[in-house]
Amino acid sequence: MTDSNPIIVINVLMASKGHQIGRLVASCSNVVWYDAPTNGEHPWLPSKGILNDELGHFHFDRRFKDDTTIPPVLDYARRSGYPNERPELKFDKCKNGDKLIYVTHSKLDEAKDYFKGEHLVVLDKNEERFFKTSWNYRVGLSKKLISELYTREECVQALNDTKNNYTKHMDENDFVIKSVDDLLDEDTFKLFCNKFNLVFNKKDYDKVKDFLKKKVN
């Protein structure tokens, strides 16, 4: 498969540890990390001073240390009140085959149509964790809580609908996992790297694994 954009899209349901997965992927030598100090200057360092960081050290926004950003898109843009849900993405940070990562909760078919990249699809669905974590997250321009925007019933339905969408639209071009635990297995992570031409960096991978295991979220 030849992709038009150098991006690894992590399609994951809310509360299924998408940012932990993103940090593991960012341990690869040819994946660009969002290296603003607030994200942790490396993927094995905790976030600080960003929206919702009090709920999890693993979250990161799409900001670089030069203060450039990758904009919110699709479902997050709609939910957060941004006027353009399909902004043009820039890949100027990708040098010599480097790739970006993007964590999204969007439907898989919509994400494929927009990003035109490679997709890591996560089938984990954890309603209990959702209501302990994401339910209390603030989003976007309004900084409203998810619990202020949706009912519990709407959230459960959205999780079910999105997972069903994943199973309907995933194909042989995607790398599909059950949960973050799959990528914590080094052999599986190497298979993932091989599929998407990522450069496995054992030293950095182990640093991220140690960070994830030390912090409980």
Protein backbone atom coordinates (compact mmCIF):
# COMPACT_ATOMS: atom_id res chain seq x y z
CA MET A 1 0.00 0.00 0.00
CA THR A 2 1.35 3.40 -0.97
CA ASP A 3 0.15 6.19 1.30
CA SER A 4 -0.15 9.80 0.29
CA ASN A 5 0.53 11.13 3.78
CA PRO A 6 3.32 10.13 6.20
CA ILE A 7 1.07 9.58 9.20
CA ILE A 8 0.19 6.73 11.55
CA VAL A 9 -3.42 7.21 12.64
CA ILE A 10 -4.34 5.53 15.92
CA ASN A 11 -8.05 4.77 15.77
CA VAL A 12 -9.05 4.07 19.35
CA LEU A 13 -12.17 4.44 21.46
CA MET A 14 -12.20 6.98 24.26
CA ALA A 15 -10.72 5.60 27.48
CA SER A 16 -8.89 2.79 25.71
CA LYS A 17 -5.43 4.26 26.33
CA GLY A 18 -4.84 5.85 22.96
CA HIS A 19 -2.21 8.24 24.28
CA GLN A 20 -0.30 5.42 25.92
CA ILE A 21 -0.33 3.66 22.56
CA GLY A 22 0.77 6.89 20.88
CA ARG A 23 3.74 7.16 23.19
CA LEU A 24 4.80 3.60 22.39
CA VAL A 25 4.60 4.31 18.67
CA ALA A 26 6.56 7.54 19.17
CA SER A 27 9.46 5.50 20.56
CA CYS A 28 10.32 4.52 16.97
CA SER A 29 13.29 6.40 15.58
CA ASN A 30 11.43 7.67 12.51
CA VAL A 31 8.27 8.88 14.29
CA VAL A 32 8.12 12.59 15.10
CA TRP A 33 7.24 13.31 18.73
CA TYR A 34 5.19 16.35 19.76
CA ASP A 35 8.12 17.64 21.73
CA ALA A 36 6.67 20.72 23.45
CA PRO A 37 7.85 20.64 27.08
CA THR A 38 4.25 20.44 28.25
CA ASN A 39 3.91 17.04 26.53
CA GLY A 40 7.14 15.76 28.00
CA GLU A 41 10.09 16.48 25.73
CA HIS A 42 10.31 12.73 25.07
CA PRO A 43 7.48 10.18 24.98
CA TRP A 44 8.70 8.60 28.22
CA LEU A 45 8.28 11.84 30.20
CA PRO A 46 4.93 12.91 31.73
CA SER A 47 2.78 15.73 30.44
CA LYS A 48 2.35 18.85 32.55
CA GLY A 49 0.32 21.99 32.15
CA ILE A 50 -1.97 20.78 29.37
CA LEU A 51 -5.73 20.32 29.42
CA ASN A 52 -6.68 17.22 31.45
CA ASP A 53 -3.14 16.47 32.61
CA GLU A 54 -4.46 16.14 36.15
CA LEU A 55 -6.32 13.04 34.96
CA GLY A 56 -3.41 11.37 33.24
CA HIS A 57 0.33 11.78 32.76
CA PHE A 58 0.17 10.11 29.36
CA HIS A 59 -1.93 12.66 27.52
CA PHE A 60 -0.26 14.91 24.98
CA ASP A 61 -1.50 17.61 22.66
CA ARG A 62 -0.30 18.12 19.10
CA ARG A 63 2.22 20.86 19.81
CA PHE A 64 5.92 21.10 19.03
CA LYS A 65 8.59 22.96 20.96
CA ASP A 66 8.72 25.62 18.22
CA ASP A 67 5.06 26.31 19.11
CA THR A 68 3.66 25.00 15.83
CA THR A 69 0.69 22.66 16.13
CA ILE A 70 -1.27 20.01 14.27
CA PRO A 71 -4.93 21.10 14.42
CA PRO A 72 -7.89 19.20 15.88
CA VAL A 73 -9.89 17.40 13.22
CA LEU A 74 -13.09 15.46 12.56
CA ASP A 75 -15.04 14.37 15.66
CA TYR A 76 -12.79 16.28 18.06
CA ALA A 77 -13.12 19.47 16.05
CA ARG A 78 -16.90 19.09 15.93
CA ARG A 79 -17.14 18.33 19.63
CA SER A 80 -14.82 21.17 20.55
CA GLY A 81 -16.41 23.95 18.51
CA TYR A 82 -13.66 24.42 15.90
CA PRO A 83 -15.05 25.81 12.62
CA ASN A 84 -13.06 23.57 10.25
CA GLU A 85 -13.23 19.84 10.89
CA ARG A 86 -11.06 19.02 7.86
CA PRO A 87 -8.12 21.44 7.95
CA GLU A 88 -5.14 20.86 5.70
CA LEU A 89 -2.48 18.89 7.55
CA LYS A 90 1.15 19.87 7.16
CA PHE A 91 3.94 17.34 7.22
CA ASP A 92 6.94 19.66 7.16
CA LYS A 93 8.26 18.04 10.36
CA CYS A 94 8.61 14.72 8.53
CA LYS A 95 12.15 14.53 7.18
CA ASN A 96 13.78 11.59 5.43
CA GLY A 97 10.85 9.21 5.81
CA ASP A 98 9.70 10.33 9.26
CA LYS A 99 6.03 9.97 10.18
CA LEU A 100 3.59 11.76 12.44
CA ILE A 101 1.13 10.12 14.81
CA TYR A 102 -2.46 11.19 15.35
CA VAL A 103 -4.76 9.74 18.00
CA THR A 104 -8.40 9.92 16.94
CA HIS A 105 -11.75 8.60 18.17
CA SER A 106 -13.35 9.16 14.78
CA LYS A 107 -15.10 6.47 12.77
CA LEU A 108 -12.57 4.45 10.80
CA ASP A 109 -14.05 5.10 7.35
CA GLU A 110 -14.12 8.84 8.01
CA ALA A 111 -10.54 8.78 9.30
CA LYS A 112 -9.31 6.84 6.27
CA ASP A 113 -11.00 9.26 3.90
CA TYR A 114 -9.48 12.28 5.62
CA PHE A 115 -5.99 11.27 6.73
CA LYS A 116 -4.98 9.04 3.81
CA GLY A 117 -2.35 7.42 5.97
CA GLU A 118 -1.78 4.12 7.78
CA HIS A 119 -4.08 2.98 10.59
CA LEU A 120 -3.48 1.24 13.88
CA VAL A 121 -6.94 0.06 14.94
CA VAL A 122 -7.59 -0.67 18.63
CA LEU A 123 -10.64 -2.82 19.41
CA ASP A 124 -10.59 -2.28 23.17
CA LYS A 125 -13.84 -0.93 24.66
CA ASN A 126 -13.91 -0.12 28.37
CA GLU A 127 -17.06 1.62 29.55
CA GLU A 128 -16.04 1.46 33.20
CA ARG A 129 -12.78 3.26 32.52
CA PHE A 130 -14.58 5.75 30.29
CA PHE A 131 -16.77 6.96 33.14
CA LYS A 132 -13.75 7.21 35.44
CA THR A 133 -11.62 9.16 32.96
CA SER A 134 -12.97 10.53 29.67
CA TRP A 135 -16.34 11.40 31.23
CA ASN A 136 -14.46 14.01 33.26
CA TYR A 137 -12.31 15.39 30.43
CA ARG A 138 -12.62 18.94 29.16
CA VAL A 139 -12.54 19.48 25.44
CA GLY A 140 -11.51 22.13 22.98
CA LEU A 141 -12.32 25.81 22.91
CA SER A 142 -15.18 25.63 25.40
CA LYS A 143 -13.29 23.42 27.87
CA LYS A 144 -16.62 21.82 28.70
CA LEU A 145 -16.67 18.41 30.35
CA ILE A 146 -17.70 15.45 28.23
CA SER A 147 -20.35 14.90 30.90
CA GLU A 148 -21.74 18.35 30.11
CA LEU A 149 -21.95 17.64 26.39
CA TYR A 150 -23.46 14.15 26.36
CA THR A 151 -25.60 11.85 28.47
CA ARG A 152 -24.28 8.55 29.75
CA GLU A 153 -26.55 6.74 27.31
CA GLU A 154 -25.24 8.77 24.37
CA CYS A 155 -21.65 7.95 25.33
CA VAL A 156 -22.31 4.21 25.61
CA GLN A 157 -24.06 4.26 22.23
CA ALA A 158 -21.18 6.18 20.67
CA LEU A 159 -18.63 3.66 21.98
CA ASN A 160 -20.66 0.75 20.61
CA ASP A 161 -21.25 2.44 17.25
CA THR A 162 -17.60 3.33 16.80
CA LYS A 163 -16.35 -0.14 17.64
CA ASN A 164 -18.86 -1.63 15.19
CA ASN A 165 -17.60 0.83 12.61
CA TYR A 166 -14.01 -0.32 13.21
CA THR A 167 -14.88 -3.97 12.63
CA LYS A 168 -16.82 -3.10 9.50
CA HIS A 169 -14.14 -0.94 7.86
CA MET A 170 -10.81 -2.40 8.99
CA ASP A 171 -8.92 -4.37 6.35
CA GLU A 172 -5.60 -6.04 5.57
CA ASN A 173 -3.87 -2.67 5.23
CA ASP A 174 -4.48 -1.88 8.90
CA PHE A 175 -2.69 -3.22 11.96
CA VAL A 176 -5.35 -4.35 14.41
CA ILE A 177 -4.81 -4.94 18.13
CA LYS A 178 -7.10 -5.83 21.01
CA SER A 179 -5.56 -3.34 23.45
CA VAL A 180 -2.38 -1.52 24.45
CA ASP A 181 -1.22 -4.78 26.06
CA ASP A 182 -0.57 -6.22 22.61
CA LEU A 183 2.02 -3.51 21.89
CA LEU A 184 3.65 -4.04 25.28
CA ASP A 185 4.72 -7.39 23.86
CA GLU A 186 7.96 -6.64 22.02
CA ASP A 187 7.45 -9.24 19.31
CA THR A 188 4.01 -7.85 18.45
CA PHE A 189 5.36 -4.32 18.47
CA LYS A 190 8.08 -5.34 16.03
CA LEU A 191 5.44 -6.83 13.72
CA PHE A 192 3.63 -3.50 13.85
CA CYS A 193 6.86 -1.64 13.04
CA ASN A 194 7.60 -3.92 10.12
CA LYS A 195 4.15 -3.45 8.62
CA PHE A 196 4.43 0.33 8.61
CA ASN A 197 8.19 0.66 7.99
CA LEU A 198 8.90 2.08 11.42
CA VAL A 199 12.39 1.88 12.91
CA PHE A 200 12.25 -0.07 16.17
CA ASN A 201 14.35 1.59 18.88
CA LYS A 202 14.63 -0.86 21.77
CA LYS A 203 16.19 1.64 24.16
CA ASP A 204 13.40 4.19 23.71
CA TYR A 205 10.69 1.51 23.54
CA ASP A 206 11.83 0.16 26.92
CA LYS A 207 11.84 3.67 28.39
CA VAL A 208 8.24 4.20 27.34
CA LYS A 209 7.22 0.77 28.64
CA ASP A 210 8.81 1.53 32.01
CA PHE A 211 7.02 4.89 32.13
CA LEU A 212 3.64 3.30 31.37
CA LYS A 213 4.11 0.63 34.00
CA LYS A 214 5.15 3.09 36.70
CA LYS A 215 2.12 5.33 36.22
CA VAL A 216 -1.35 3.95 36.77
CA ASN A 217 -4.15 5.55 34.71
